[in-house]
Amino acid sequence: MKDSIKYALEGIGEGWRNHPNFRRQIGILMAVLAAGWWYKISGLEWVMVVLASGLVLSAEMANTAIESVVDLATKERRPEAKIAKDAGAGGVMIMSAAAAIVGIIIFLPRLMGH
């Protein structure tokens, strides 16, 4: 168990050090957490924010893994490699859009003064 935690943390560190999108997503997460604290969102809203944020970061890590495996398999430009990389990026985009919708549902009424 100790090794699996170590490897997981190494993977997260890889995302932080070498993947600008991961760092951007962490920055957005920090802003959302600050907004949640500022607006005193409810417990259920916190659950939604944490789940959506965790899913976005997990999707980004999965995309990183896909890209790394594809790069290991071939350095050539191949249609199959493009499909794999594009599909991974698409998964991140879908989850990010869903998380943005969660954020809009939670924060827009507060920003509009309702």
PDB file of N, CA and C in Angstrom:
ATOM      1  N   MET A   1       0.834  -1.199   0.000  1.00  0.00           N
ATOM      2  CA  MET A   1       0.000   0.000   0.000  1.00  0.00           C
ATOM      3  C   MET A   1       0.870   1.251   0.000  1.00  0.00           C
ATOM      4  N   LYS A   2       1.921   1.227   0.801  1.00  0.00           N
ATOM      5  CA  LYS A   2       2.789   2.397   0.889  1.00  0.00           C
ATOM      6  C   LYS A   2       3.392   2.726  -0.476  1.00  0.00           C
ATOM      7  N   ASP A   3       3.829   1.708  -1.222  1.00  0.00           N
ATOM      8  CA  ASP A   3       4.398   1.941  -2.548  1.00  0.00           C
ATOM      9  C   ASP A   3       3.358   2.509  -3.507  1.00  0.00           C
ATOM     10  N   SER A   4       2.118   2.024  -3.435  1.00  0.00           N
ATOM     11  CA  SER A   4       1.096   2.516  -4.369  1.00  0.00           C
ATOM     12  C   SER A   4       0.802   3.991  -4.120  1.00  0.00           C
ATOM     13  N   ILE A   5       0.809   4.414  -2.866  1.00  0.00           N
ATOM     14  CA  ILE A   5       0.619   5.838  -2.556  1.00  0.00           C
ATOM     15  C   ILE A   5       1.800   6.641  -3.082  1.00  0.00           C
ATOM     16  N   LYS A   6       3.000   6.121  -2.892  1.00  0.00           N
ATOM     17  CA  LYS A   6       4.210   6.794  -3.387  1.00  0.00           C
ATOM     18  C   LYS A   6       4.135   6.960  -4.902  1.00  0.00           C
ATOM     19  N   TYR A   7       3.760   5.906  -5.617  1.00  0.00           N
ATOM     20  CA  TYR A   7       3.684   5.982  -7.075  1.00  0.00           C
ATOM     21  C   TYR A   7       2.587   6.947  -7.525  1.00  0.00           C
ATOM     22  N   ALA A   8       1.472   6.935  -6.821  1.00  0.00           N
ATOM     23  CA  ALA A   8       0.388   7.862  -7.168  1.00  0.00           C
ATOM     24  C   ALA A   8       0.848   9.309  -6.985  1.00  0.00           C
ATOM     25  N   LEU A   9       1.537   9.586  -5.893  1.00  0.00           N
ATOM     26  CA  LEU A   9       2.044  10.938  -5.660  1.00  0.00           C
ATOM     27  C   LEU A   9       3.095  11.328  -6.699  1.00  0.00           C
ATOM     28  N   GLU A  10       3.904  10.361  -7.131  1.00  0.00           N
ATOM     29  CA  GLU A  10       4.869  10.633  -8.195  1.00  0.00           C
ATOM     30  C   GLU A  10       4.138  10.993  -9.490  1.00  0.00           C
ATOM     31  N   GLY A  11       3.037  10.312  -9.770  1.00  0.00           N
ATOM     32  CA  GLY A  11       2.249  10.618 -10.958  1.00  0.00           C
ATOM     33  C   GLY A  11       1.654  12.012 -10.899  1.00  0.00           C
ATOM     34  N   ILE A  12       1.137  12.390  -9.738  1.00  0.00           N
ATOM     35  CA  ILE A  12       0.601  13.737  -9.567  1.00  0.00           C
ATOM     36  C   ILE A  12       1.728  14.768  -9.711  1.00  0.00           C
ATOM     37  N   GLY A  13       2.884  14.464  -9.149  1.00  0.00           N
ATOM     38  CA  GLY A  13       4.041  15.360  -9.286  1.00  0.00           C
ATOM     39  C   GLY A  13       4.448  15.521 -10.740  1.00  0.00           C
ATOM     40  N   GLU A  14       4.405  14.454 -11.503  1.00  0.00           N
ATOM     41  CA  GLU A  14       4.698  14.519 -12.942  1.00  0.00           C
ATOM     42  C   GLU A  14       3.715  15.458 -13.627  1.00  0.00           C
ATOM     43  N   GLY A  15       2.432  15.322 -13.292  1.00  0.00           N
ATOM     44  CA  GLY A  15       1.422  16.212 -13.867  1.00  0.00           C
ATOM     45  C   GLY A  15       1.723  17.659 -13.535  1.00  0.00           C
ATOM     46  N   TRP A  16       2.088  17.927 -12.297  1.00  0.00           N
ATOM     47  CA  TRP A  16       2.363  19.300 -11.862  1.00  0.00           C
ATOM     48  C   TRP A  16       3.608  19.863 -12.557  1.00  0.00           C
ATOM     49  N   ARG A  17       4.674  19.084 -12.596  1.00  0.00           N
ATOM     50  CA  ARG A  17       5.945  19.580 -13.133  1.00  0.00           C
ATOM     51  C   ARG A  17       5.941  19.755 -14.653  1.00  0.00           C
ATOM     52  N   ASN A  18       5.284  18.868 -15.353  1.00  0.00           N
ATOM     53  CA  ASN A  18       5.488  18.802 -16.796  1.00  0.00           C
ATOM     54  C   ASN A  18       4.246  19.020 -17.658  1.00  0.00           C
ATOM     55  N   HIS A  19       3.126  19.331 -17.049  1.00  0.00           N
ATOM     56  CA  HIS A  19       1.901  19.471 -17.831  1.00  0.00           C
ATOM     57  C   HIS A  19       1.182  20.764 -17.447  1.00  0.00           C
ATOM     58  N   PRO A  20       1.358  21.804 -18.252  1.00  0.00           N
ATOM     59  CA  PRO A  20       0.785  23.118 -17.928  1.00  0.00           C
ATOM     60  C   PRO A  20      -0.737  23.080 -17.726  1.00  0.00           C
ATOM     61  N   ASN A  21      -1.446  22.245 -18.472  1.00  0.00           N
ATOM     62  CA  ASN A  21      -2.899  22.181 -18.282  1.00  0.00           C
ATOM     63  C   ASN A  21      -3.257  21.709 -16.875  1.00  0.00           C
ATOM     64  N   PHE A  22      -2.486  20.776 -16.339  1.00  0.00           N
ATOM     65  CA  PHE A  22      -2.731  20.303 -14.975  1.00  0.00           C
ATOM     66  C   PHE A  22      -2.544  21.454 -13.990  1.00  0.00           C
ATOM     67  N   ARG A  23      -1.493  22.234 -14.168  1.00  0.00           N
ATOM     68  CA  ARG A  23      -1.257  23.387 -13.281  1.00  0.00           C
ATOM     69  C   ARG A  23      -2.377  24.419 -13.411  1.00  0.00           C
ATOM     70  N   ARG A  24      -2.829  24.666 -14.637  1.00  0.00           N
ATOM     71  CA  ARG A  24      -3.953  25.597 -14.833  1.00  0.00           C
ATOM     72  C   ARG A  24      -5.198  25.097 -14.112  1.00  0.00           C
ATOM     73  N   GLN A  25      -5.460  23.811 -14.228  1.00  0.00           N
ATOM     74  CA  GLN A  25      -6.649  23.252 -13.583  1.00  0.00           C
ATOM     75  C   GLN A  25      -6.544  23.342 -12.062  1.00  0.00           C
ATOM     76  N   ILE A  26      -5.369  23.163 -11.525  1.00  0.00           N
ATOM     77  CA  ILE A  26      -5.170  23.348 -10.082  1.00  0.00           C
ATOM     78  C   ILE A  26      -5.421  24.808  -9.709  1.00  0.00           C
ATOM     79  N   GLY A  27      -4.948  25.739 -10.529  1.00  0.00           N
ATOM     80  CA  GLY A  27      -5.193  27.171 -10.284  1.00  0.00           C
ATOM     81  C   GLY A  27      -6.680  27.492 -10.289  1.00  0.00           C
ATOM     82  N   ILE A  28      -7.395  26.941 -11.259  1.00  0.00           N
ATOM     83  CA  ILE A  28      -8.846  27.144 -11.310  1.00  0.00           C
ATOM     84  C   ILE A  28      -9.501  26.541 -10.074  1.00  0.00           C
ATOM     85  N   LEU A  29      -9.051  25.364  -9.674  1.00  0.00           N
ATOM     86  CA  LEU A  29      -9.590  24.726  -8.469  1.00  0.00           C
ATOM     87  C   LEU A  29      -9.386  25.629  -7.249  1.00  0.00           C
ATOM     88  N   MET A  30      -8.212  26.229  -7.116  1.00  0.00           N
ATOM     89  CA  MET A  30      -7.956  27.116  -5.975  1.00  0.00           C
ATOM     90  C   MET A  30      -8.920  28.301  -5.988  1.00  0.00           C
ATOM     91  N   ALA A  31      -9.167  28.868  -7.170  1.00  0.00           N
ATOM     92  CA  ALA A  31     -10.104  29.991  -7.287  1.00  0.00           C
ATOM     93  C   ALA A  31     -11.520  29.556  -6.927  1.00  0.00           C
ATOM     94  N   VAL A  32     -11.915  28.371  -7.367  1.00  0.00           N
ATOM     95  CA  VAL A  32     -13.259  27.861  -7.060  1.00  0.00           C
ATOM     96  C   VAL A  32     -13.394  27.588  -5.563  1.00  0.00           C
ATOM     97  N   LEU A  33     -12.368  27.020  -4.960  1.00  0.00           N
ATOM     98  CA  LEU A  33     -12.412  26.774  -3.510  1.00  0.00           C
ATOM     99  C   LEU A  33     -12.519  28.092  -2.749  1.00  0.00           C
ATOM    100  N   ALA A  34     -11.777  29.099  -3.181  1.00  0.00           N
ATOM    101  CA  ALA A  34     -11.863  30.418  -2.536  1.00  0.00           C
ATOM    102  C   ALA A  34     -13.260  31.012  -2.706  1.00  0.00           C
ATOM    103  N   ALA A  35     -13.832  30.873  -3.898  1.00  0.00           N
ATOM    104  CA  ALA A  35     -15.193  31.376  -4.134  1.00  0.00           C
ATOM    105  C   ALA A  35     -16.204  30.632  -3.268  1.00  0.00           C
ATOM    106  N   GLY A  36     -16.032  29.325  -3.140  1.00  0.00           N
ATOM    107  CA  GLY A  36     -16.930  28.549  -2.280  1.00  0.00           C
ATOM    108  C   GLY A  36     -16.861  29.003  -0.838  1.00  0.00           C
ATOM    109  N   TRP A  37     -15.656  29.260  -0.379  1.00  0.00           N
ATOM    110  CA  TRP A  37     -15.486  29.762   0.994  1.00  0.00           C
ATOM    111  C   TRP A  37     -16.109  31.153   1.113  1.00  0.00           C
ATOM    112  N   TRP A  38     -15.836  32.033   0.152  1.00  0.00           N
ATOM    113  CA  TRP A  38     -16.334  33.407   0.178  1.00  0.00           C
ATOM    114  C   TRP A  38     -17.863  33.434   0.195  1.00  0.00           C
ATOM    115  N   TYR A  39     -18.479  32.643  -0.668  1.00  0.00           N
ATOM    116  CA  TYR A  39     -19.933  32.654  -0.781  1.00  0.00           C
ATOM    117  C   TYR A  39     -20.625  31.685   0.177  1.00  0.00           C
ATOM    118  N   LYS A  40     -19.841  30.991   0.992  1.00  0.00           N
ATOM    119  CA  LYS A  40     -20.394  30.074   1.996  1.00  0.00           C
ATOM    120  C   LYS A  40     -21.388  29.093   1.359  1.00  0.00           C
ATOM    121  N   ILE A  41     -20.885  28.353   0.353  1.00  0.00           N
ATOM    122  CA  ILE A  41     -21.759  27.398  -0.319  1.00  0.00           C
ATOM    123  C   ILE A  41     -22.142  26.275   0.644  1.00  0.00           C
ATOM    124  N   SER A  42     -23.240  25.616   0.335  1.00  0.00           N
ATOM    125  CA  SER A  42     -23.781  24.571   1.215  1.00  0.00           C
ATOM    126  C   SER A  42     -22.927  23.304   1.143  1.00  0.00           C
ATOM    127  N   GLY A  43     -23.202  22.399   2.048  1.00  0.00           N
ATOM    128  CA  GLY A  43     -22.501  21.118   2.068  1.00  0.00           C
ATOM    129  C   GLY A  43     -22.681  20.346   0.768  1.00  0.00           C
ATOM    130  N   LEU A  44     -23.896  20.300   0.262  1.00  0.00           N
ATOM    131  CA  LEU A  44     -24.158  19.601  -0.997  1.00  0.00           C
ATOM    132  C   LEU A  44     -23.421  20.278  -2.153  1.00  0.00           C
ATOM    133  N   GLU A  45     -23.373  21.592  -2.141  1.00  0.00           N
ATOM    134  CA  GLU A  45     -22.632  22.307  -3.183  1.00  0.00           C
ATOM    135  C   GLU A  45     -21.138  22.007  -3.103  1.00  0.00           C
ATOM    136  N   TRP A  46     -20.612  21.899  -1.883  1.00  0.00           N
ATOM    137  CA  TRP A  46     -19.207  21.516  -1.724  1.00  0.00           C
ATOM    138  C   TRP A  46     -18.962  20.135  -2.306  1.00  0.00           C
ATOM    139  N   VAL A  47     -19.875  19.213  -2.051  1.00  0.00           N
ATOM    140  CA  VAL A  47     -19.728  17.857  -2.599  1.00  0.00           C
ATOM    141  C   VAL A  47     -19.664  17.921  -4.123  1.00  0.00           C
ATOM    142  N   MET A  48     -20.554  18.700  -4.726  1.00  0.00           N
ATOM    143  CA  MET A  48     -20.567  18.814  -6.186  1.00  0.00           C
ATOM    144  C   MET A  48     -19.275  19.437  -6.704  1.00  0.00           C
ATOM    145  N   VAL A  49     -18.779  20.462  -6.041  1.00  0.00           N
ATOM    146  CA  VAL A  49     -17.536  21.119  -6.458  1.00  0.00           C
ATOM    147  C   VAL A  49     -16.357  20.155  -6.337  1.00  0.00           C
ATOM    148  N   VAL A  50     -16.274  19.456  -5.217  1.00  0.00           N
ATOM    149  CA  VAL A  50     -15.156  18.528  -5.006  1.00  0.00           C
ATOM    150  C   VAL A  50     -15.202  17.384  -6.016  1.00  0.00           C
ATOM    151  N   LEU A  51     -16.386  16.814  -6.239  1.00  0.00           N
ATOM    152  CA  LEU A  51     -16.491  15.723  -7.214  1.00  0.00           C
ATOM    153  C   LEU A  51     -16.154  16.195  -8.624  1.00  0.00           C
ATOM    154  N   ALA A  52     -16.712  17.321  -9.032  1.00  0.00           N
ATOM    155  CA  ALA A  52     -16.440  17.823 -10.379  1.00  0.00           C
ATOM    156  C   ALA A  52     -14.954  18.121 -10.548  1.00  0.00           C
ATOM    157  N   SER A  53     -14.352  18.746  -9.551  1.00  0.00           N
ATOM    158  CA  SER A  53     -12.927  19.082  -9.627  1.00  0.00           C
ATOM    159  C   SER A  53     -12.066  17.829  -9.658  1.00  0.00           C
ATOM    160  N   GLY A  54     -12.397  16.880  -8.818  1.00  0.00           N
ATOM    161  CA  GLY A  54     -11.649  15.620  -8.799  1.00  0.00           C
ATOM    162  C   GLY A  54     -11.752  14.876 -10.113  1.00  0.00           C
ATOM    163  N   LEU A  55     -12.923  14.905 -10.720  1.00  0.00           N
ATOM    164  CA  LEU A  55     -13.096  14.241 -12.016  1.00  0.00           C
ATOM    165  C   LEU A  55     -12.294  14.923 -13.118  1.00  0.00           C
ATOM    166  N   VAL A  56     -12.242  16.250 -13.109  1.00  0.00           N
ATOM    167  CA  VAL A  56     -11.443  16.965 -14.116  1.00  0.00           C
ATOM    168  C   VAL A  56      -9.967  16.608 -13.955  1.00  0.00           C
ATOM    169  N   LEU A  57      -9.465  16.668 -12.730  1.00  0.00           N
ATOM    170  CA  LEU A  57      -8.046  16.361 -12.506  1.00  0.00           C
ATOM    171  C   LEU A  57      -7.738  14.905 -12.833  1.00  0.00           C
ATOM    172  N   SER A  58      -8.659  14.013 -12.506  1.00  0.00           N
ATOM    173  CA  SER A  58      -8.467  12.595 -12.837  1.00  0.00           C
ATOM    174  C   SER A  58      -8.472  12.381 -14.345  1.00  0.00           C
ATOM    175  N   ALA A  59      -9.361  13.063 -15.054  1.00  0.00           N
ATOM    176  CA  ALA A  59      -9.388  12.957 -16.517  1.00  0.00           C
ATOM    177  C   ALA A  59      -8.080  13.462 -17.110  1.00  0.00           C
ATOM    178  N   GLU A  60      -7.547  14.538 -16.559  1.00  0.00           N
ATOM    179  CA  GLU A  60      -6.277  15.071 -17.062  1.00  0.00           C
ATOM    180  C   GLU A  60      -5.144  14.077 -16.821  1.00  0.00           C
ATOM    181  N   MET A  61      -5.135  13.438 -15.668  1.00  0.00           N
ATOM    182  CA  MET A  61      -4.100  12.437 -15.387  1.00  0.00           C
ATOM    183  C   MET A  61      -4.240  11.237 -16.328  1.00  0.00           C
ATOM    184  N   ALA A  62      -5.474  10.808 -16.585  1.00  0.00           N
ATOM    185  CA  ALA A  62      -5.698   9.699 -17.523  1.00  0.00           C
ATOM    186  C   ALA A  62      -5.234  10.097 -18.924  1.00  0.00           C
ATOM    187  N   ASN A  63      -5.505  11.325 -19.324  1.00  0.00           N
ATOM    188  CA  ASN A  63      -5.055  11.804 -20.631  1.00  0.00           C
ATOM    189  C   ASN A  63      -3.533  11.807 -20.704  1.00  0.00           C
ATOM    190  N   THR A  64      -2.889  12.213 -19.646  1.00  0.00           N
ATOM    191  CA  THR A  64      -1.425  12.197 -19.597  1.00  0.00           C
ATOM    192  C   THR A  64      -0.903  10.773 -19.763  1.00  0.00           C
ATOM    193  N   ALA A  65      -1.552   9.827 -19.093  1.00  0.00           N
ATOM    194  CA  ALA A  65      -1.148   8.426 -19.204  1.00  0.00           C
ATOM    195  C   ALA A  65      -1.325   7.929 -20.638  1.00  0.00           C
ATOM    196  N   ILE A  66      -2.454   8.257 -21.253  1.00  0.00           N
ATOM    197  CA  ILE A  66      -2.705   7.849 -22.643  1.00  0.00           C
ATOM    198  C   ILE A  66      -1.621   8.413 -23.554  1.00  0.00           C
ATOM    199  N   GLU A  67      -1.343   9.704 -23.415  1.00  0.00           N
ATOM    200  CA  GLU A  67      -0.334  10.329 -24.271  1.00  0.00           C
ATOM    201  C   GLU A  67       1.033   9.684 -24.081  1.00  0.00           C
ATOM    202  N   SER A  68       1.387   9.374 -22.846  1.00  0.00           N
ATOM    203  CA  SER A  68       2.689   8.769 -22.569  1.00  0.00           C
ATOM    204  C   SER A  68       2.797   7.373 -23.178  1.00  0.00           C
ATOM    205  N   VAL A  69       1.753   6.584 -23.060  1.00  0.00           N
ATOM    206  CA  VAL A  69       1.769   5.228 -23.625  1.00  0.00           C
ATOM    207  C   VAL A  69       1.830   5.285 -25.151  1.00  0.00           C
ATOM    208  N   VAL A  70       1.069   6.190 -25.744  1.00  0.00           N
ATOM    209  CA  VAL A  70       1.109   6.335 -27.206  1.00  0.00           C
ATOM    210  C   VAL A  70       2.509   6.753 -27.647  1.00  0.00           C
ATOM    211  N   ASP A  71       3.119   7.703 -26.949  1.00  0.00           N
ATOM    212  CA  ASP A  71       4.465   8.140 -27.299  1.00  0.00           C
ATOM    213  C   ASP A  71       5.479   7.009 -27.131  1.00  0.00           C
ATOM    214  N   LEU A  72       5.264   6.166 -26.138  1.00  0.00           N
ATOM    215  CA  LEU A  72       6.146   5.014 -25.934  1.00  0.00           C
ATOM    216  C   LEU A  72       5.985   4.012 -27.075  1.00  0.00           C
ATOM    217  N   ALA A  73       4.754   3.834 -27.547  1.00  0.00           N
ATOM    218  CA  ALA A  73       4.480   2.852 -28.594  1.00  0.00           C
ATOM    219  C   ALA A  73       5.005   3.290 -29.957  1.00  0.00           C
ATOM    220  N   THR A  74       4.928   4.583 -30.246  1.00  0.00           N
ATOM    221  CA  THR A  74       5.374   5.061 -31.554  1.00  0.00           C
ATOM    222  C   THR A  74       5.690   6.546 -31.512  1.00  0.00           C
ATOM    223  N   LYS A  75       6.733   6.912 -32.198  1.00  0.00           N
ATOM    224  CA  LYS A  75       7.059   8.332 -32.381  1.00  0.00           C
ATOM    225  C   LYS A  75       6.554   8.804 -33.743  1.00  0.00           C
ATOM    226  N   GLU A  76       6.094   7.857 -34.544  1.00  0.00           N
ATOM    227  CA  GLU A  76       5.573   8.197 -35.870  1.00  0.00           C
ATOM    228  C   GLU A  76       4.205   8.855 -35.744  1.00  0.00           C
ATOM    229  N   ARG A  77       3.883   9.672 -36.749  1.00  0.00           N
ATOM    230  CA  ARG A  77       2.528  10.230 -36.839  1.00  0.00           C
ATOM    231  C   ARG A  77       1.649   9.163 -37.478  1.00  0.00           C
ATOM    232  N   ARG A  78       0.809   8.565 -36.647  1.00  0.00           N
ATOM    233  CA  ARG A  78      -0.072   7.505 -37.137  1.00  0.00           C
ATOM    234  C   ARG A  78      -1.506   7.865 -36.788  1.00  0.00           C
ATOM    235  N   PRO A  79      -2.450   7.504 -37.636  1.00  0.00           N
ATOM    236  CA  PRO A  79      -3.853   7.843 -37.373  1.00  0.00           C
ATOM    237  C   PRO A  79      -4.354   7.268 -36.047  1.00  0.00           C
ATOM    238  N   GLU A  80      -3.899   6.073 -35.713  1.00  0.00           N
ATOM    239  CA  GLU A  80      -4.344   5.440 -34.463  1.00  0.00           C
ATOM    240  C   GLU A  80      -3.835   6.215 -33.237  1.00  0.00           C
ATOM    241  N   ALA A  81      -2.618   6.703 -33.328  1.00  0.00           N
ATOM    242  CA  ALA A  81      -2.052   7.491 -32.231  1.00  0.00           C
ATOM    243  C   ALA A  81      -2.832   8.795 -32.068  1.00  0.00           C
ATOM    244  N   LYS A  82      -3.166   9.420 -33.188  1.00  0.00           N
ATOM    245  CA  LYS A  82      -3.939  10.660 -33.145  1.00  0.00           C
ATOM    246  C   LYS A  82      -5.306  10.418 -32.529  1.00  0.00           C
ATOM    247  N   ILE A  83      -5.956   9.331 -32.895  1.00  0.00           N
ATOM    248  CA  ILE A  83      -7.273   9.013 -32.333  1.00  0.00           C
ATOM    249  C   ILE A  83      -7.180   8.861 -30.821  1.00  0.00           C
ATOM    250  N   ALA A  84      -6.183   8.111 -30.361  1.00  0.00           N
ATOM    251  CA  ALA A  84      -6.030   7.889 -28.918  1.00  0.00           C
ATOM    252  C   ALA A  84      -5.802   9.200 -28.178  1.00  0.00           C
ATOM    253  N   LYS A  85      -4.898  10.018 -28.691  1.00  0.00           N
ATOM    254  CA  LYS A  85      -4.598  11.289 -28.029  1.00  0.00           C
ATOM    255  C   LYS A  85      -5.785  12.244 -28.084  1.00  0.00           C
ATOM    256  N   ASP A  86      -6.440  12.316 -29.226  1.00  0.00           N
ATOM    257  CA  ASP A  86      -7.596  13.207 -29.358  1.00  0.00           C
ATOM    258  C   ASP A  86      -8.750  12.758 -28.465  1.00  0.00           C
ATOM    259  N   ALA A  87      -8.962  11.454 -28.368  1.00  0.00           N
ATOM    260  CA  ALA A  87     -10.042  10.940 -27.519  1.00  0.00           C
ATOM    261  C   ALA A  87      -9.756  11.252 -26.048  1.00  0.00           C
ATOM    262  N   GLY A  88      -8.506  11.091 -25.631  1.00  0.00           N
ATOM    263  CA  GLY A  88      -8.148  11.437 -24.254  1.00  0.00           C
ATOM    264  C   GLY A  88      -8.373  12.907 -23.968  1.00  0.00           C
ATOM    265  N   ALA A  89      -7.948  13.759 -24.891  1.00  0.00           N
ATOM    266  CA  ALA A  89      -8.156  15.202 -24.726  1.00  0.00           C
ATOM    267  C   ALA A  89      -9.645  15.535 -24.738  1.00  0.00           C
ATOM    268  N   GLY A  90     -10.401  14.837 -25.573  1.00  0.00           N
ATOM    269  CA  GLY A  90     -11.846  15.051 -25.611  1.00  0.00           C
ATOM    270  C   GLY A  90     -12.510  14.702 -24.293  1.00  0.00           C
ATOM    271  N   GLY A  91     -12.038  13.643 -23.656  1.00  0.00           N
ATOM    272  CA  GLY A  91     -12.574  13.281 -22.339  1.00  0.00           C
ATOM    273  C   GLY A  91     -12.347  14.380 -21.313  1.00  0.00           C
ATOM    274  N   VAL A  92     -11.167  14.971 -21.339  1.00  0.00           N
ATOM    275  CA  VAL A  92     -10.878  16.081 -20.429  1.00  0.00           C
ATOM    276  C   VAL A  92     -11.804  17.257 -20.736  1.00  0.00           C
ATOM    277  N   MET A  93     -12.002  17.542 -22.013  1.00  0.00           N
ATOM    278  CA  MET A  93     -12.853  18.667 -22.389  1.00  0.00           C
ATOM    279  C   MET A  93     -14.295  18.444 -21.932  1.00  0.00           C
ATOM    280  N   ILE A  94     -14.808  17.246 -22.116  1.00  0.00           N
ATOM    281  CA  ILE A  94     -16.175  16.942 -21.686  1.00  0.00           C
ATOM    282  C   ILE A  94     -16.314  17.122 -20.182  1.00  0.00           C
ATOM    283  N   MET A  95     -15.374  16.583 -19.417  1.00  0.00           N
ATOM    284  CA  MET A  95     -15.458  16.698 -17.960  1.00  0.00           C
ATOM    285  C   MET A  95     -15.283  18.133 -17.514  1.00  0.00           C
ATOM    286  N   SER A  96     -14.413  18.886 -18.182  1.00  0.00           N
ATOM    287  CA  SER A  96     -14.227  20.298 -17.842  1.00  0.00           C
ATOM    288  C   SER A  96     -15.495  21.099 -18.112  1.00  0.00           C
ATOM    289  N   ALA A  97     -16.164  20.801 -19.213  1.00  0.00           N
ATOM    290  CA  ALA A  97     -17.425  21.488 -19.517  1.00  0.00           C
ATOM    291  C   ALA A  97     -18.482  21.162 -18.466  1.00  0.00           C
ATOM    292  N   ALA A  98     -18.559  19.902 -18.063  1.00  0.00           N
ATOM    293  CA  ALA A  98     -19.517  19.516 -17.027  1.00  0.00           C
ATOM    294  C   ALA A  98     -19.204  20.230 -15.713  1.00  0.00           C
ATOM    295  N   ALA A  99     -17.919  20.309 -15.368  1.00  0.00           N
ATOM    296  CA  ALA A  99     -17.521  21.008 -14.137  1.00  0.00           C
ATOM    297  C   ALA A  99     -17.854  22.493 -14.228  1.00  0.00           C
ATOM    298  N   ALA A 100     -17.655  23.078 -15.398  1.00  0.00           N
ATOM    299  CA  ALA A 100     -17.994  24.495 -15.579  1.00  0.00           C
ATOM    300  C   ALA A 100     -19.494  24.713 -15.389  1.00  0.00           C
ATOM    301  N   ILE A 101     -20.304  23.788 -15.876  1.00  0.00           N
ATOM    302  CA  ILE A 101     -21.758  23.900 -15.702  1.00  0.00           C
ATOM    303  C   ILE A 101     -22.121  23.809 -14.227  1.00  0.00           C
ATOM    304  N   VAL A 102     -21.468  22.901 -13.503  1.00  0.00           N
ATOM    305  CA  VAL A 102     -21.693  22.816 -12.053  1.00  0.00           C
ATOM    306  C   VAL A 102     -21.348  24.159 -11.407  1.00  0.00           C
ATOM    307  N   GLY A 103     -20.209  24.734 -11.796  1.00  0.00           N
ATOM    308  CA  GLY A 103     -19.807  26.029 -11.248  1.00  0.00           C
ATOM    309  C   GLY A 103     -20.806  27.127 -11.565  1.00  0.00           C
ATOM    310  N   ILE A 104     -21.323  27.133 -12.779  1.00  0.00           N
ATOM    311  CA  ILE A 104     -22.316  28.143 -13.163  1.00  0.00           C
ATOM    312  C   ILE A 104     -23.583  27.984 -12.332  1.00  0.00           C
ATOM    313  N   ILE A 105     -24.028  26.759 -12.169  1.00  0.00           N
ATOM    314  CA  ILE A 105     -25.242  26.505 -11.383  1.00  0.00           C
ATOM    315  C   ILE A 105     -25.063  26.985  -9.946  1.00  0.00           C
ATOM    316  N   ILE A 106     -23.896  26.748  -9.388  1.00  0.00           N
ATOM    317  CA  ILE A 106     -23.652  27.110  -7.984  1.00  0.00           C
ATOM    318  C   ILE A 106     -23.370  28.605  -7.818  1.00  0.00           C
ATOM    319  N   PHE A 107     -22.524  29.162  -8.680  1.00  0.00           N
ATOM    320  CA  PHE A 107     -22.020  30.511  -8.427  1.00  0.00           C
ATOM    321  C   PHE A 107     -22.750  31.626  -9.164  1.00  0.00           C
ATOM    322  N   LEU A 108     -23.337  31.360 -10.310  1.00  0.00           N
ATOM    323  CA  LEU A 108     -23.980  32.446 -11.069  1.00  0.00           C
ATOM    324  C   LEU A 108     -25.062  33.152 -10.260  1.00  0.00           C
ATOM    325  N   PRO A 109     -25.956  32.432  -9.590  1.00  0.00           N
ATOM    326  CA  PRO A 109     -26.969  33.156  -8.806  1.00  0.00           C
ATOM    327  C   PRO A 109     -26.341  34.069  -7.749  1.00  0.00           C
ATOM    328  N   ARG A 110     -25.252  33.633  -7.144  1.00  0.00           N
ATOM    329  CA  ARG A 110     -24.586  34.459  -6.128  1.00  0.00           C
ATOM    330  C   ARG A 110     -23.948  35.682  -6.771  1.00  0.00           C
ATOM    331  N   LEU A 111     -23.327  35.478  -7.936  1.00  0.00           N
ATOM    332  CA  LEU A 111     -22.691  36.594  -8.633  1.00  0.00           C
ATOM    333  C   LEU A 111     -23.731  37.613  -9.121  1.00  0.00           C
ATOM    334  N   MET A 112     -24.933  37.130  -9.421  1.00  0.00           N
ATOM    335  CA  MET A 112     -26.009  38.005  -9.890  1.00  0.00           C
ATOM    336  C   MET A 112     -26.764  38.645  -8.720  1.00  0.00           C
ATOM    337  N   GLY A 113     -26.381  38.288  -7.483  1.00  0.00           N
ATOM    338  CA  GLY A 113     -26.987  38.890  -6.312  1.00  0.00           C
ATOM    339  C   GLY A 113     -28.307  38.258  -5.868  1.00  0.00           C
ATOM    340  N   HIS A 114     -28.561  37.033  -6.284  1.00  0.00           N
ATOM    341  CA  HIS A 114     -29.796  36.351  -5.901  1.00  0.00           C
ATOM    342  C   HIS A 114     -29.593  35.477  -4.691  1.00  0.00           C
TER     343      HIS A 114
END
